[in-house]
Amino acid sequence: MADMKLGVVETRFADLIWEHEPISSGELVKLCEEKLSWKKSTTYTILRRLCERGIFSNDKGTVTSLISKDEFYAMQSEKFVEDTFEGSLPRFLAAFSTRKKLSDDEIHQLQKFIDEMR
């Protein structure tokens, strides 16, 4: 799995692309100037970095995603559980629920998900 971890600033940038794609690189520069107060060079530097990591593509001046936002966050979640809880989803849920009580609705949704997976 490629390095899919994004910092806070990279995440805000990626969210802008996912929200507006396909977008011309020129429009992306304007958007980043408006939303992130970035210079053109900063936008192109970060875009190049995320293209090299296989998250986005800049083909003939049109920026699109190679990985959907949902797919990206699923991969990040999977990596977090792997790295932190040795891949054990039950251990993750046990740790999560020690500090935050699950609501009846959340428990119902989890049970429904488990039943659908069987």
Protein backbone atom coordinates (compact mmCIF):
# COMPACT_ATOMS: atom_id res chain seq x y z
CA MET A 1 0.00 0.00 0.00
CA ALA A 2 1.42 3.38 -0.99
CA ASP A 3 1.84 6.10 1.59
CA MET A 4 -1.74 7.30 1.91
CA LYS A 5 -1.30 9.37 5.06
CA LEU A 6 -2.07 13.04 4.53
CA GLY A 7 -1.31 15.93 6.83
CA VAL A 8 -4.02 18.43 7.78
CA VAL A 9 -3.14 20.84 4.95
CA GLU A 10 -2.87 18.07 2.36
CA THR A 11 -6.25 16.74 3.49
CA ARG A 12 -7.91 20.14 3.02
CA PHE A 13 -6.33 20.34 -0.45
CA ALA A 14 -7.44 16.80 -1.35
CA ASP A 15 -10.98 17.56 -0.17
CA LEU A 16 -11.08 20.59 -2.50
CA ILE A 17 -10.12 18.39 -5.45
CA TRP A 18 -12.64 15.67 -4.56
CA GLU A 19 -15.34 18.31 -4.18
CA HIS A 20 -14.65 20.02 -7.52
CA GLU A 21 -13.21 17.35 -9.83
CA PRO A 22 -12.65 17.24 -12.66
CA ILE A 23 -11.02 20.64 -12.33
CA SER A 24 -8.48 22.42 -14.49
CA SER A 25 -5.16 23.04 -12.79
CA GLY A 26 -5.69 26.77 -13.39
CA GLU A 27 -9.04 26.69 -11.58
CA LEU A 28 -7.44 24.65 -8.80
CA VAL A 29 -4.77 27.35 -8.36
CA LYS A 30 -7.52 30.01 -8.04
CA LEU A 31 -9.50 27.85 -5.62
CA CYS A 32 -6.44 27.22 -3.42
CA GLU A 33 -5.58 30.91 -3.44
CA GLU A 34 -9.12 31.71 -2.28
CA LYS A 35 -9.65 28.87 0.23
CA LEU A 36 -6.12 28.18 1.49
CA SER A 37 -4.30 31.46 0.70
CA TRP A 38 -1.72 29.52 -1.33
CA LYS A 39 0.57 30.79 -4.04
CA LYS A 40 0.50 29.04 -7.43
CA SER A 41 3.84 27.32 -6.70
CA THR A 42 2.51 25.83 -3.46
CA THR A 43 -0.54 24.40 -5.21
CA TYR A 44 1.58 22.79 -7.93
CA THR A 45 4.10 21.42 -5.40
CA ILE A 46 1.43 19.74 -3.28
CA LEU A 47 -0.47 18.54 -6.37
CA ARG A 48 2.70 16.97 -7.79
CA ARG A 49 3.39 15.26 -4.45
CA LEU A 50 -0.12 13.76 -4.29
CA CYS A 51 0.04 12.72 -7.96
CA GLU A 52 3.36 10.93 -7.29
CA ARG A 53 1.65 9.08 -4.43
CA GLY A 54 -1.08 7.86 -6.81
CA ILE A 55 -4.00 9.74 -5.25
CA PHE A 56 -4.60 12.25 -8.06
CA SER A 57 -3.77 12.70 -11.73
CA ASN A 58 -2.94 15.91 -13.59
CA ASP A 59 -3.37 14.96 -17.25
CA LYS A 60 -3.06 17.80 -19.78
CA GLY A 61 -4.07 20.33 -17.13
CA THR A 62 -7.12 18.43 -15.85
CA VAL A 63 -6.94 17.23 -12.27
CA THR A 64 -8.93 14.12 -11.30
CA SER A 65 -8.74 11.57 -8.52
CA LEU A 66 -7.34 8.09 -8.97
CA ILE A 67 -8.82 7.09 -5.60
CA SER A 68 -12.26 8.21 -4.45
CA LYS A 69 -12.60 10.06 -1.15
CA ASP A 70 -14.49 7.11 0.40
CA GLU A 71 -11.88 4.64 -0.82
CA PHE A 72 -9.08 6.85 0.50
CA TYR A 73 -10.58 7.16 3.98
CA ALA A 74 -11.34 3.42 4.05
CA MET A 75 -7.67 2.71 3.28
CA GLN A 76 -6.56 5.13 6.02
CA SER A 77 -8.90 3.51 8.54
CA GLU A 78 -7.67 0.05 7.61
CA LYS A 79 -4.03 1.14 8.02
CA PHE A 80 -4.78 2.73 11.41
CA VAL A 81 -6.39 -0.49 12.72
CA GLU A 82 -3.47 -2.52 11.29
CA ASP A 83 -0.79 -0.29 12.81
CA THR A 84 -2.44 0.41 16.16
CA PHE A 85 -4.48 -2.71 16.97
CA GLU A 86 -2.59 -5.42 15.02
CA GLY A 87 -5.47 -5.52 12.56
CA SER A 88 -8.04 -6.42 15.20
CA LEU A 89 -11.32 -4.59 14.64
CA PRO A 90 -12.78 -5.94 17.93
CA ARG A 91 -9.75 -4.51 19.83
CA PHE A 92 -10.27 -1.17 18.07
CA LEU A 93 -13.98 -1.09 18.97
CA ALA A 94 -13.23 -2.09 22.57
CA ALA A 95 -10.69 0.75 22.88
CA PHE A 96 -13.04 3.21 21.15
CA SER A 97 -15.98 2.39 23.38
CA THR A 98 -14.04 2.75 26.66
CA ARG A 99 -13.98 6.55 26.21
CA LYS A 100 -17.15 7.08 24.20
CA LYS A 101 -20.32 5.20 25.05
CA LEU A 102 -21.98 3.81 21.96
CA SER A 103 -25.54 5.01 21.45
CA ASP A 104 -28.39 2.53 20.97
CA ASP A 105 -28.54 3.65 17.32
CA GLU A 106 -24.79 3.02 16.82
CA ILE A 107 -25.10 -0.42 18.43
CA HIS A 108 -28.07 -1.19 16.17
CA GLN A 109 -26.11 -0.07 13.08
CA LEU A 110 -23.11 -2.19 14.08
CA GLN A 111 -25.33 -5.23 14.70
CA LYS A 112 -27.01 -4.73 11.33
CA PHE A 113 -23.59 -4.47 9.67
CA ILE A 114 -22.40 -7.66 11.40
CA ASP A 115 -25.56 -9.53 10.36
CA GLU A 116 -25.10 -8.42 6.74
CA MET A 117 -21.48 -9.62 6.75
CA ARG A 118 -22.41 -13.18 7.78
